[in-house]
PDB file of N, CA and C in Angstrom:
ATOM      1  N   UNK A   1      -0.717  64.924 -44.142  1.00  0.00           N
ATOM      2  CA  UNK A   1      -0.265  66.182 -44.664  1.00  0.00           C
ATOM      3  C   UNK A   1       0.686  66.913 -43.732  1.00  0.00           C
ATOM      4  N   UNK A   2       0.760  66.451 -42.492  1.00  0.00           N
ATOM      5  CA  UNK A   2       1.608  67.165 -41.492  1.00  0.00           C
ATOM      6  C   UNK A   2       3.017  67.347 -41.889  1.00  0.00           C
ATOM      7  N   UNK A   3       3.679  66.381 -42.595  1.00  0.00           N
ATOM      8  CA  UNK A   3       5.048  66.686 -43.021  1.00  0.00           C
ATOM      9  C   UNK A   3       5.181  67.766 -43.937  1.00  0.00           C
ATOM     10  N   UNK A   4       4.162  67.964 -44.827  1.00  0.00           N
ATOM     11  CA  UNK A   4       4.212  69.069 -45.852  1.00  0.00           C
ATOM     12  C   UNK A   4       4.030  70.493 -45.099  1.00  0.00           C
ATOM     13  N   UNK A   5       3.057  70.410 -44.093  1.00  0.00           N
ATOM     14  CA  UNK A   5       2.830  71.659 -43.309  1.00  0.00           C
ATOM     15  C   UNK A   5       4.081  72.066 -42.514  1.00  0.00           C
ATOM     16  N   UNK A   6       4.785  71.097 -41.975  1.00  0.00           N
ATOM     17  CA  UNK A   6       5.992  71.268 -41.215  1.00  0.00           C
ATOM     18  C   UNK A   6       7.091  71.902 -42.099  1.00  0.00           C
ATOM     19  N   UNK A   7       7.223  71.303 -43.284  1.00  0.00           N
ATOM     20  CA  UNK A   7       8.255  71.799 -44.239  1.00  0.00           C
ATOM     21  C   UNK A   7       7.892  73.297 -44.636  1.00  0.00           C
ATOM     22  N   UNK A   8       6.638  73.548 -44.926  1.00  0.00           N
ATOM     23  CA  UNK A   8       6.258  74.871 -45.291  1.00  0.00           C
ATOM     24  C   UNK A   8       6.481  75.847 -44.125  1.00  0.00           C
ATOM     25  N   UNK A   9       6.163  75.382 -42.975  1.00  0.00           N
ATOM     26  CA  UNK A   9       6.413  76.245 -41.767  1.00  0.00           C
ATOM     27  C   UNK A   9       7.902  76.640 -41.673  1.00  0.00           C
ATOM     28  N   UNK A  10       8.807  75.678 -41.898  1.00  0.00           N
ATOM     29  CA  UNK A  10      10.212  75.912 -41.882  1.00  0.00           C
ATOM     30  C   UNK A  10      10.643  76.940 -42.997  1.00  0.00           C
ATOM     31  N   UNK A  11      10.012  76.771 -44.214  1.00  0.00           N
ATOM     32  CA  UNK A  11      10.302  77.709 -45.275  1.00  0.00           C
ATOM     33  C   UNK A  11       9.869  79.074 -44.930  1.00  0.00           C
ATOM     34  N   UNK A  12       8.657  79.213 -44.379  1.00  0.00           N
ATOM     35  CA  UNK A  12       8.150  80.581 -43.984  1.00  0.00           C
ATOM     36  C   UNK A  12       9.119  81.196 -42.950  1.00  0.00           C
ATOM     37  N   UNK A  13       9.567  80.451 -42.001  1.00  0.00           N
ATOM     38  CA  UNK A  13      10.520  80.992 -41.051  1.00  0.00           C
ATOM     39  C   UNK A  13      11.879  81.384 -41.552  1.00  0.00           C
ATOM     40  N   UNK A  14      12.136  81.103 -42.795  1.00  0.00           N
ATOM     41  CA  UNK A  14      13.386  81.610 -43.466  1.00  0.00           C
ATOM     42  C   UNK A  14      13.198  82.982 -44.020  1.00  0.00           C
ATOM     43  N   UNK A  15      11.993  83.493 -43.955  1.00  0.00           N
ATOM     44  CA  UNK A  15      11.751  84.841 -44.482  1.00  0.00           C
ATOM     45  C   UNK A  15      12.124  85.919 -43.440  1.00  0.00           C
ATOM     46  N   UNK A  16      12.520  87.052 -43.949  1.00  0.00           N
ATOM     47  CA  UNK A  16      12.921  88.104 -43.028  1.00  0.00           C
ATOM     48  C   UNK A  16      11.716  88.951 -42.485  1.00  0.00           C
ATOM     49  N   UNK A  17      10.660  88.941 -43.256  1.00  0.00           N
ATOM     50  CA  UNK A  17       9.475  89.671 -42.938  1.00  0.00           C
ATOM     51  C   UNK A  17       8.230  88.777 -43.091  1.00  0.00           C
ATOM     52  N   UNK A  18       7.374  88.801 -42.069  1.00  0.00           N
ATOM     53  CA  UNK A  18       6.179  87.899 -42.042  1.00  0.00           C
ATOM     54  C   UNK A  18       5.011  88.858 -41.699  1.00  0.00           C
ATOM     55  N   UNK A  19       3.832  88.455 -42.156  1.00  0.00           N
ATOM     56  CA  UNK A  19       2.543  88.936 -41.771  1.00  0.00           C
ATOM     57  C   UNK A  19       1.946  87.969 -40.876  1.00  0.00           C
ATOM     58  N   UNK A  20       1.233  88.385 -39.786  1.00  0.00           N
ATOM     59  CA  UNK A  20       0.534  87.513 -38.933  1.00  0.00           C
ATOM     60  C   UNK A  20      -0.803  88.111 -38.483  1.00  0.00           C
ATOM     61  N   UNK A  21      -1.767  87.253 -38.408  1.00  0.00           N
ATOM     62  CA  UNK A  21      -3.103  87.660 -37.966  1.00  0.00           C
ATOM     63  C   UNK A  21      -3.802  86.436 -37.409  1.00  0.00           C
ATOM     64  N   UNK A  22      -4.729  86.665 -36.562  1.00  0.00           N
ATOM     65  CA  UNK A  22      -5.543  85.649 -35.968  1.00  0.00           C
ATOM     66  C   UNK A  22      -7.038  85.971 -36.117  1.00  0.00           C
ATOM     67  N   UNK A  23      -7.890  84.823 -36.411  1.00  0.00           N
ATOM     68  CA  UNK A  23      -9.258  85.192 -36.582  1.00  0.00           C
ATOM     69  C   UNK A  23     -10.018  84.124 -35.757  1.00  0.00           C
ATOM     70  N   UNK A  24     -11.178  84.520 -35.164  1.00  0.00           N
ATOM     71  CA  UNK A  24     -11.893  83.541 -34.414  1.00  0.00           C
ATOM     72  C   UNK A  24     -12.671  82.597 -35.157  1.00  0.00           C
ATOM     73  N   UNK A  25     -12.777  81.393 -34.777  1.00  0.00           N
ATOM     74  CA  UNK A  25     -13.672  80.387 -35.424  1.00  0.00           C
ATOM     75  C   UNK A  25     -14.398  79.630 -34.284  1.00  0.00           C
ATOM     76  N   UNK A  26     -15.534  79.082 -34.701  1.00  0.00           N
ATOM     77  CA  UNK A  26     -16.274  78.299 -33.704  1.00  0.00           C
ATOM     78  C   UNK A  26     -15.790  76.802 -33.759  1.00  0.00           C
ATOM     79  N   UNK A  27     -15.512  76.325 -32.580  1.00  0.00           N
ATOM     80  CA  UNK A  27     -15.061  74.936 -32.374  1.00  0.00           C
ATOM     81  C   UNK A  27     -16.084  74.171 -31.570  1.00  0.00           C
ATOM     82  N   UNK A  28     -16.564  73.067 -32.132  1.00  0.00           N
ATOM     83  CA  UNK A  28     -17.462  72.114 -31.393  1.00  0.00           C
ATOM     84  C   UNK A  28     -16.727  71.368 -30.302  1.00  0.00           C
ATOM     85  N   UNK A  29     -17.113  71.526 -29.083  1.00  0.00           N
ATOM     86  CA  UNK A  29     -16.471  70.832 -28.012  1.00  0.00           C
ATOM     87  C   UNK A  29     -16.869  69.266 -28.059  1.00  0.00           C
ATOM     88  N   UNK A  30     -15.841  68.435 -28.047  1.00  0.00           N
ATOM     89  CA  UNK A  30     -16.137  67.014 -28.197  1.00  0.00           C
ATOM     90  C   UNK A  30     -17.081  66.578 -27.053  1.00  0.00           C
ATOM     91  N   UNK A  31     -18.187  65.936 -27.309  1.00  0.00           N
ATOM     92  CA  UNK A  31     -19.085  65.413 -26.373  1.00  0.00           C
ATOM     93  C   UNK A  31     -19.911  66.425 -25.624  1.00  0.00           C
ATOM     94  N   UNK A  32     -19.774  67.762 -25.915  1.00  0.00           N
ATOM     95  CA  UNK A  32     -20.455  68.820 -25.279  1.00  0.00           C
ATOM     96  C   UNK A  32     -21.660  69.271 -26.055  1.00  0.00           C
ATOM     97  N   UNK A  33     -21.625  69.139 -27.384  1.00  0.00           N
ATOM     98  CA  UNK A  33     -22.772  69.613 -28.098  1.00  0.00           C
ATOM     99  C   UNK A  33     -22.860  71.122 -28.255  1.00  0.00           C
ATOM    100  N   UNK A  34     -21.788  71.884 -27.737  1.00  0.00           N
ATOM    101  CA  UNK A  34     -21.770  73.236 -27.837  1.00  0.00           C
ATOM    102  C   UNK A  34     -20.484  73.728 -28.446  1.00  0.00           C
ATOM    103  N   UNK A  35     -20.523  74.960 -28.975  1.00  0.00           N
ATOM    104  CA  UNK A  35     -19.227  75.479 -29.602  1.00  0.00           C
ATOM    105  C   UNK A  35     -18.594  76.453 -28.604  1.00  0.00           C
ATOM    106  N   UNK A  36     -17.354  76.635 -28.862  1.00  0.00           N
ATOM    107  CA  UNK A  36     -16.650  77.823 -28.134  1.00  0.00           C
ATOM    108  C   UNK A  36     -15.696  78.379 -29.137  1.00  0.00           C
ATOM    109  N   UNK A  37     -15.209  79.575 -28.771  1.00  0.00           N
ATOM    110  CA  UNK A  37     -14.344  80.347 -29.651  1.00  0.00           C
ATOM    111  C   UNK A  37     -12.917  79.721 -29.592  1.00  0.00           C
ATOM    112  N   UNK A  38     -12.460  79.441 -30.811  1.00  0.00           N
ATOM    113  CA  UNK A  38     -10.977  79.035 -31.029  1.00  0.00           C
ATOM    114  C   UNK A  38     -10.455  80.039 -31.980  1.00  0.00           C
ATOM    115  N   UNK A  39      -9.164  79.843 -32.348  1.00  0.00           N
ATOM    116  CA  UNK A  39      -8.536  80.782 -33.293  1.00  0.00           C
ATOM    117  C   UNK A  39      -7.707  80.067 -34.378  1.00  0.00           C
ATOM    118  N   UNK A  40      -7.775  80.618 -35.537  1.00  0.00           N
ATOM    119  CA  UNK A  40      -6.959  80.264 -36.678  1.00  0.00           C
ATOM    120  C   UNK A  40      -5.956  81.330 -36.914  1.00  0.00           C
ATOM    121  N   UNK A  41      -4.659  81.014 -36.599  1.00  0.00           N
ATOM    122  CA  UNK A  41      -3.572  82.039 -36.825  1.00  0.00           C
ATOM    123  C   UNK A  41      -2.997  81.819 -38.149  1.00  0.00           C
ATOM    124  N   UNK A  42      -2.758  82.899 -38.899  1.00  0.00           N
ATOM    125  CA  UNK A  42      -2.210  82.825 -40.205  1.00  0.00           C
ATOM    126  C   UNK A  42      -0.896  83.544 -40.302  1.00  0.00           C
ATOM    127  N   UNK A  43       0.072  82.948 -40.965  1.00  0.00           N
ATOM    128  CA  UNK A  43       1.376  83.543 -41.118  1.00  0.00           C
ATOM    129  C   UNK A  43       1.758  83.397 -42.639  1.00  0.00           C
ATOM    130  N   UNK A  44       2.233  84.524 -43.152  1.00  0.00           N
ATOM    131  CA  UNK A  44       2.551  84.549 -44.662  1.00  0.00           C
ATOM    132  C   UNK A  44       3.694  85.613 -44.863  1.00  0.00           C
ATOM    133  N   UNK A  45       4.578  85.303 -45.810  1.00  0.00           N
ATOM    134  CA  UNK A  45       5.572  86.265 -46.176  1.00  0.00           C
ATOM    135  C   UNK A  45       4.924  87.534 -46.926  1.00  0.00           C
ATOM    136  N   UNK A  46       5.685  88.468 -47.133  1.00  0.00           N
ATOM    137  CA  UNK A  46       5.076  89.706 -47.866  1.00  0.00           C
ATOM    138  C   UNK A  46       4.969  89.348 -49.306  1.00  0.00           C
ATOM    139  N   UNK A  47       4.178  90.258 -49.942  1.00  0.00           N
ATOM    140  CA  UNK A  47       3.998  89.938 -51.434  1.00  0.00           C
ATOM    141  C   UNK A  47       5.257  90.230 -52.242  1.00  0.00           C
ATOM    142  N   UNK A  48       6.281  90.762 -51.618  1.00  0.00           N
ATOM    143  CA  UNK A  48       7.572  90.988 -52.285  1.00  0.00           C
ATOM    144  C   UNK A  48       8.429  89.653 -52.301  1.00  0.00           C
ATOM    145  N   UNK A  49       8.015  88.735 -51.520  1.00  0.00           N
ATOM    146  CA  UNK A  49       8.774  87.436 -51.403  1.00  0.00           C
ATOM    147  C   UNK A  49       8.503  86.571 -52.605  1.00  0.00           C
ATOM    148  N   UNK A  50       9.371  85.770 -52.928  1.00  0.00           N
ATOM    149  CA  UNK A  50       9.135  84.760 -54.009  1.00  0.00           C
ATOM    150  C   UNK A  50       8.314  83.612 -53.540  1.00  0.00           C
ATOM    151  N   UNK A  51       8.302  83.409 -52.215  1.00  0.00           N
ATOM    152  CA  UNK A  51       7.450  82.359 -51.602  1.00  0.00           C
ATOM    153  C   UNK A  51       6.042  82.812 -51.425  1.00  0.00           C
ATOM    154  N   UNK A  52       5.145  82.156 -52.117  1.00  0.00           N
ATOM    155  CA  UNK A  52       3.728  82.486 -52.007  1.00  0.00           C
ATOM    156  C   UNK A  52       3.022  81.381 -51.240  1.00  0.00           C
ATOM    157  N   UNK A  53       2.883  81.633 -49.936  1.00  0.00           N
ATOM    158  CA  UNK A  53       2.307  80.650 -49.068  1.00  0.00           C
ATOM    159  C   UNK A  53       1.732  81.287 -47.882  1.00  0.00           C
ATOM    160  N   UNK A  54       0.811  80.517 -47.216  1.00  0.00           N
ATOM    161  CA  UNK A  54       0.299  80.794 -45.874  1.00  0.00           C
ATOM    162  C   UNK A  54       0.241  79.570 -45.169  1.00  0.00           C
ATOM    163  N   UNK A  55       0.649  79.687 -43.860  1.00  0.00           N
ATOM    164  CA  UNK A  55       0.535  78.539 -43.023  1.00  0.00           C
ATOM    165  C   UNK A  55      -0.467  79.024 -41.931  1.00  0.00           C
ATOM    166  N   UNK A  56      -1.533  78.041 -41.724  1.00  0.00           N
ATOM    167  CA  UNK A  56      -2.533  78.353 -40.705  1.00  0.00           C
ATOM    168  C   UNK A  56      -2.182  77.539 -39.557  1.00  0.00           C
ATOM    169  N   UNK A  57      -2.349  78.051 -38.402  1.00  0.00           N
ATOM    170  CA  UNK A  57      -2.077  77.286 -37.131  1.00  0.00           C
ATOM    171  C   UNK A  57      -3.315  77.361 -36.274  1.00  0.00           C
ATOM    172  N   UNK A  58      -4.021  76.261 -36.074  1.00  0.00           N
ATOM    173  CA  UNK A  58      -5.191  76.225 -35.284  1.00  0.00           C
ATOM    174  C   UNK A  58      -4.776  76.176 -33.818  1.00  0.00           C
ATOM    175  N   UNK A  59      -5.550  77.035 -32.905  1.00  0.00           N
ATOM    176  CA  UNK A  59      -5.308  76.978 -31.506  1.00  0.00           C
ATOM    177  C   UNK A  59      -6.677  77.121 -30.793  1.00  0.00           C
ATOM    178  N   UNK A  60      -6.824  76.515 -29.634  1.00  0.00           N
ATOM    179  CA  UNK A  60      -8.063  76.670 -28.907  1.00  0.00           C
ATOM    180  C   UNK A  60      -8.286  77.925 -28.112  1.00  0.00           C
ATOM    181  N   UNK A  61      -7.222  78.800 -28.283  1.00  0.00           N
ATOM    182  CA  UNK A  61      -7.365  80.167 -27.646  1.00  0.00           C
ATOM    183  C   UNK A  61      -6.536  81.209 -28.378  1.00  0.00           C
ATOM    184  N   UNK A  62      -6.704  82.447 -27.973  1.00  0.00           N
ATOM    185  CA  UNK A  62      -6.008  83.548 -28.576  1.00  0.00           C
ATOM    186  C   UNK A  62      -4.741  83.873 -27.754  1.00  0.00           C
ATOM    187  N   UNK A  63      -4.333  83.132 -26.884  1.00  0.00           N
ATOM    188  CA  UNK A  63      -3.158  83.390 -26.031  1.00  0.00           C
ATOM    189  C   UNK A  63      -1.945  83.563 -26.911  1.00  0.00           C
ATOM    190  N   UNK A  64      -1.093  84.527 -26.569  1.00  0.00           N
ATOM    191  CA  UNK A  64       0.041  84.865 -27.229  1.00  0.00           C
ATOM    192  C   UNK A  64       1.105  83.773 -27.387  1.00  0.00           C
ATOM    193  N   UNK A  65       0.913  82.749 -26.410  1.00  0.00           N
ATOM    194  CA  UNK A  65       1.904  81.587 -26.452  1.00  0.00           C
ATOM    195  C   UNK A  65       1.761  80.862 -27.825  1.00  0.00           C
ATOM    196  N   UNK A  66       0.702  80.917 -28.499  1.00  0.00           N
ATOM    197  CA  UNK A  66       0.517  80.254 -29.700  1.00  0.00           C
ATOM    198  C   UNK A  66       1.420  80.916 -30.790  1.00  0.00           C
ATOM    199  N   UNK A  67       1.402  82.202 -30.865  1.00  0.00           N
ATOM    200  CA  UNK A  67       2.361  82.981 -31.801  1.00  0.00           C
ATOM    201  C   UNK A  67       3.748  82.655 -31.417  1.00  0.00           C
ATOM    202  N   UNK A  68       4.083  82.631 -30.228  1.00  0.00           N
ATOM    203  CA  UNK A  68       5.439  82.471 -29.747  1.00  0.00           C
ATOM    204  C   UNK A  68       5.897  81.053 -30.084  1.00  0.00           C
ATOM    205  N   UNK A  69       5.032  80.042 -29.895  1.00  0.00           N
ATOM    206  CA  UNK A  69       5.360  78.635 -30.268  1.00  0.00           C
ATOM    207  C   UNK A  69       5.663  78.552 -31.765  1.00  0.00           C
ATOM    208  N   UNK A  70       4.703  79.139 -32.589  1.00  0.00           N
ATOM    209  CA  UNK A  70       4.834  79.060 -34.027  1.00  0.00           C
ATOM    210  C   UNK A  70       6.123  79.718 -34.530  1.00  0.00           C
ATOM    211  N   UNK A  71       6.472  80.917 -33.995  1.00  0.00           N
ATOM    212  CA  UNK A  71       7.673  81.696 -34.429  1.00  0.00           C
ATOM    213  C   UNK A  71       8.932  81.278 -33.781  1.00  0.00           C
ATOM    214  N   UNK A  72       8.778  80.584 -32.643  1.00  0.00           N
ATOM    215  CA  UNK A  72       9.933  80.035 -31.872  1.00  0.00           C
ATOM    216  C   UNK A  72      11.096  81.064 -31.777  1.00  0.00           C
ATOM    217  N   UNK A  73      12.183  80.676 -32.372  1.00  0.00           N
ATOM    218  CA  UNK A  73      13.482  81.497 -32.334  1.00  0.00           C
ATOM    219  C   UNK A  73      13.559  82.505 -33.478  1.00  0.00           C
ATOM    220  N   UNK A  74      12.612  82.578 -34.291  1.00  0.00           N
ATOM    221  CA  UNK A  74      12.624  83.536 -35.470  1.00  0.00           C
ATOM    222  C   UNK A  74      12.874  84.878 -35.013  1.00  0.00           C
ATOM    223  N   UNK A  75      13.774  85.656 -35.770  1.00  0.00           N
ATOM    224  CA  UNK A  75      14.176  87.002 -35.364  1.00  0.00           C
ATOM    225  C   UNK A  75      13.922  88.096 -36.423  1.00  0.00           C
ATOM    226  N   UNK A  76      12.860  87.969 -37.202  1.00  0.00           N
ATOM    227  CA  UNK A  76      12.626  88.928 -38.337  1.00  0.00           C
ATOM    228  C   UNK A  76      11.732  89.982 -37.905  1.00  0.00           C
ATOM    229  N   UNK A  77      11.123  90.616 -38.971  1.00  0.00           N
ATOM    230  CA  UNK A  77      10.198  91.677 -38.786  1.00  0.00           C
ATOM    231  C   UNK A  77       8.800  91.159 -38.886  1.00  0.00           C
ATOM    232  N   UNK A  78       7.810  91.467 -38.026  1.00  0.00           N
ATOM    233  CA  UNK A  78       6.545  90.993 -38.004  1.00  0.00           C
ATOM    234  C   UNK A  78       5.517  92.029 -38.226  1.00  0.00           C
ATOM    235  N   UNK A  79       4.723  91.935 -39.327  1.00  0.00           N
ATOM    236  CA  UNK A  79       3.710  92.921 -39.589  1.00  0.00           C
ATOM    237  C   UNK A  79       2.432  92.388 -38.964  1.00  0.00           C
ATOM    238  N   UNK A  80       1.917  93.091 -38.063  1.00  0.00           N
ATOM    239  CA  UNK A  80       0.635  92.602 -37.295  1.00  0.00           C
ATOM    240  C   UNK A  80      -0.059  93.840 -36.745  1.00  0.00           C
ATOM    241  N   UNK A  81      -1.240  93.500 -36.200  1.00  0.00           N
ATOM    242  CA  UNK A  81      -1.968  94.589 -35.461  1.00  0.00           C
ATOM    243  C   UNK A  81      -1.419  94.695 -34.114  1.00  0.00           C
ATOM    244  N   UNK A  82      -2.109  95.466 -33.311  1.00  0.00           N
ATOM    245  CA  UNK A  82      -1.570  95.857 -31.990  1.00  0.00           C
ATOM    246  C   UNK A  82      -2.021  94.867 -30.868  1.00  0.00           C
ATOM    247  N   UNK A  83      -2.383  93.657 -31.270  1.00  0.00           N
ATOM    248  CA  UNK A  83      -2.847  92.734 -30.327  1.00  0.00           C
ATOM    249  C   UNK A  83      -1.788  92.396 -29.381  1.00  0.00           C
ATOM    250  N   UNK A  84      -1.981  92.412 -28.059  1.00  0.00           N
ATOM    251  CA  UNK A  84      -0.984  92.200 -27.000  1.00  0.00           C
ATOM    252  C   UNK A  84      -0.308  90.801 -27.088  1.00  0.00           C
ATOM    253  N   UNK A  85      -0.941  89.796 -27.700  1.00  0.00           N
ATOM    254  CA  UNK A  85      -0.358  88.427 -27.826  1.00  0.00           C
ATOM    255  C   UNK A  85       1.015  88.408 -28.539  1.00  0.00           C
ATOM    256  N   UNK A  86       1.253  89.405 -29.381  1.00  0.00           N
ATOM    257  CA  UNK A  86       2.541  89.460 -30.093  1.00  0.00           C
ATOM    258  C   UNK A  86       3.643  90.179 -29.327  1.00  0.00           C
ATOM    259  N   UNK A  87       3.327  90.892 -28.269  1.00  0.00           N
ATOM    260  CA  UNK A  87       4.257  91.722 -27.571  1.00  0.00           C
ATOM    261  C   UNK A  87       5.420  90.999 -26.974  1.00  0.00           C
ATOM    262  N   UNK A  88       5.225  89.781 -26.416  1.00  0.00           N
ATOM    263  CA  UNK A  88       6.356  89.061 -25.816  1.00  0.00           C
ATOM    264  C   UNK A  88       7.386  88.724 -26.879  1.00  0.00           C
ATOM    265  N   UNK A  89       7.009  88.517 -28.095  1.00  0.00           N
ATOM    266  CA  UNK A  89       7.930  88.271 -29.147  1.00  0.00           C
ATOM    267  C   UNK A  89       8.798  89.392 -29.439  1.00  0.00           C
ATOM    268  N   UNK A  90       8.268  90.620 -29.279  1.00  0.00           N
ATOM    269  CA  UNK A  90       9.050  91.824 -29.550  1.00  0.00           C
ATOM    270  C   UNK A  90      10.126  92.025 -28.531  1.00  0.00           C
ATOM    271  N   UNK A  91       9.861  91.464 -27.377  1.00  0.00           N
ATOM    272  CA  UNK A  91      10.912  91.590 -26.291  1.00  0.00           C
ATOM    273  C   UNK A  91      11.982  90.474 -26.489  1.00  0.00           C
ATOM    274  N   UNK A  92      11.669  89.531 -27.422  1.00  0.00           N
ATOM    275  CA  UNK A  92      12.668  88.471 -27.603  1.00  0.00           C
ATOM    276  C   UNK A  92      13.405  88.578 -28.967  1.00  0.00           C
ATOM    277  N   UNK A  93      13.395  89.812 -29.527  1.00  0.00           N
ATOM    278  CA  UNK A  93      14.188  90.043 -30.756  1.00  0.00           C
ATOM    279  C   UNK A  93      13.399  90.324 -32.055  1.00  0.00           C
ATOM    280  N   UNK A  94      12.166  89.993 -32.086  1.00  0.00           N
ATOM    281  CA  UNK A  94      11.275  90.243 -33.257  1.00  0.00           C
ATOM    282  C   UNK A  94      11.035  91.740 -33.355  1.00  0.00           C
ATOM    283  N   UNK A  95      11.148  92.328 -34.590  1.00  0.00           N
ATOM    284  CA  UNK A  95      10.878  93.724 -34.759  1.00  0.00           C
ATOM    285  C   UNK A  95       9.438  93.885 -35.152  1.00  0.00           C
ATOM    286  N   UNK A  96       8.734  94.745 -34.447  1.00  0.00           N
ATOM    287  CA  UNK A  96       7.339  94.991 -34.727  1.00  0.00           C
ATOM    288  C   UNK A  96       7.172  95.979 -35.885  1.00  0.00           C
ATOM    289  N   UNK A  97       6.366  95.615 -36.829  1.00  0.00           N
ATOM    290  CA  UNK A  97       5.960  96.505 -37.925  1.00  0.00           C
ATOM    291  C   UNK A  97       4.408  96.556 -37.858  1.00  0.00           C
ATOM    292  N   UNK A  98       3.810  97.622 -37.200  1.00  0.00           N
ATOM    293  CA  UNK A  98       2.449  97.712 -37.023  1.00  0.00           C
ATOM    294  C   UNK A  98       1.812  98.121 -38.354  1.00  0.00           C
ATOM    295  N   UNK A  99       0.497  97.939 -38.426  1.00  0.00           N
ATOM    296  CA  UNK A  99      -0.222  98.521 -39.568  1.00  0.00           C
ATOM    297  C   UNK A  99      -1.459  99.169 -39.114  1.00  0.00           C
ATOM    298  N   UNK A 100      -1.890 100.022 -39.846  1.00  0.00           N
ATOM    299  CA  UNK A 100      -3.061 101.028 -39.463  1.00  0.00           C
ATOM    300  C   UNK A 100      -4.296 100.637 -39.874  1.00  0.00           C
ATOM    301  N   UNK A 101      -4.606  99.338 -40.273  1.00  0.00           N
ATOM    302  CA  UNK A 101      -5.929  98.984 -40.809  1.00  0.00           C
ATOM    303  C   UNK A 101      -7.020  99.284 -39.863  1.00  0.00           C
ATOM    304  N   UNK A 102      -6.887  98.900 -38.547  1.00  0.00           N
ATOM    305  CA  UNK A 102      -7.891  99.182 -37.603  1.00  0.00           C
ATOM    306  C   UNK A 102      -8.172 100.649 -37.374  1.00  0.00           C
ATOM    307  N   UNK A 103      -7.137 101.454 -37.412  1.00  0.00           N
ATOM    308  CA  UNK A 103      -7.298 102.913 -37.235  1.00  0.00           C
ATOM    309  C   UNK A 103      -7.917 103.481 -38.524  1.00  0.00           C
ATOM    310  N   UNK A 104      -7.582 102.901 -39.671  1.00  0.00           N
ATOM    311  CA  UNK A 104      -8.130 103.454 -40.889  1.00  0.00           C
ATOM    312  C   UNK A 104      -9.662 103.249 -40.862  1.00  0.00           C
ATOM    313  N   UNK A 105     -10.092 102.108 -40.355  1.00  0.00           N
ATOM    314  CA  UNK A 105     -11.585 101.859 -40.298  1.00  0.00           C
ATOM    315  C   UNK A 105     -12.287 102.883 -39.442  1.00  0.00           C
ATOM    316  N   UNK A 106     -11.638 103.273 -38.370  1.00  0.00           N
ATOM    317  CA  UNK A 106     -12.273 104.267 -37.573  1.00  0.00           C
ATOM    318  C   UNK A 106     -12.417 105.592 -38.213  1.00  0.00           C
ATOM    319  N   UNK A 107     -11.403 105.969 -38.953  1.00  0.00           N
ATOM    320  CA  UNK A 107     -11.459 107.244 -39.751  1.00  0.00           C
ATOM    321  C   UNK A 107     -12.515 107.127 -40.892  1.00  0.00           C
ATOM    322  N   UNK A 108     -12.587 105.926 -41.442  1.00  0.00           N
ATOM    323  CA  UNK A 108     -13.679 105.651 -42.461  1.00  0.00           C
ATOM    324  C   UNK A 108     -15.051 105.849 -41.889  1.00  0.00           C
ATOM    325  N   UNK A 109     -15.224 105.278 -40.645  1.00  0.00           N
ATOM    326  CA  UNK A 109     -16.532 105.286 -40.052  1.00  0.00           C
ATOM    327  C   UNK A 109     -16.858 106.762 -39.709  1.00  0.00           C
ATOM    328  N   UNK A 110     -15.877 107.486 -39.141  1.00  0.00           N
ATOM    329  CA  UNK A 110     -16.127 108.961 -38.868  1.00  0.00           C
ATOM    330  C   UNK A 110     -16.523 109.706 -40.108  1.00  0.00           C
ATOM    331  N   UNK A 111     -15.859 109.436 -41.228  1.00  0.00           N
ATOM    332  CA  UNK A 111     -16.100 110.075 -42.483  1.00  0.00           C
ATOM    333  C   UNK A 111     -17.536 109.765 -43.002  1.00  0.00           C
ATOM    334  N   UNK A 112     -17.907 108.509 -42.902  1.00  0.00           N
ATOM    335  CA  UNK A 112     -19.212 108.095 -43.348  1.00  0.00           C
ATOM    336  C   UNK A 112     -20.277 108.628 -42.550  1.00  0.00           C
TER     337      UNK A 112
END
């Protein structure tokens, strides 16, 4: 399936605006019998795009180098939270479009 994933990855990088997020998953360490935290990074165009797709990129850490490697030389607008792992990309020509989902939750909790 890797050739299909690679082709979809290239299609997604043709979009001018992308959403990105990372979520923790448990990974079983080979031969250790224990799990550790790994991350599944998700990249998708906006709902205004004709391309309806998500590419998931598994990484064994949350280091920003994984986002930079996936996005490479892409120069579009990135919708993401304020996680510092994305910041280096903003210094390399990616435009940050933050969202307020995390802040909204805090207001909701205060209201409740």
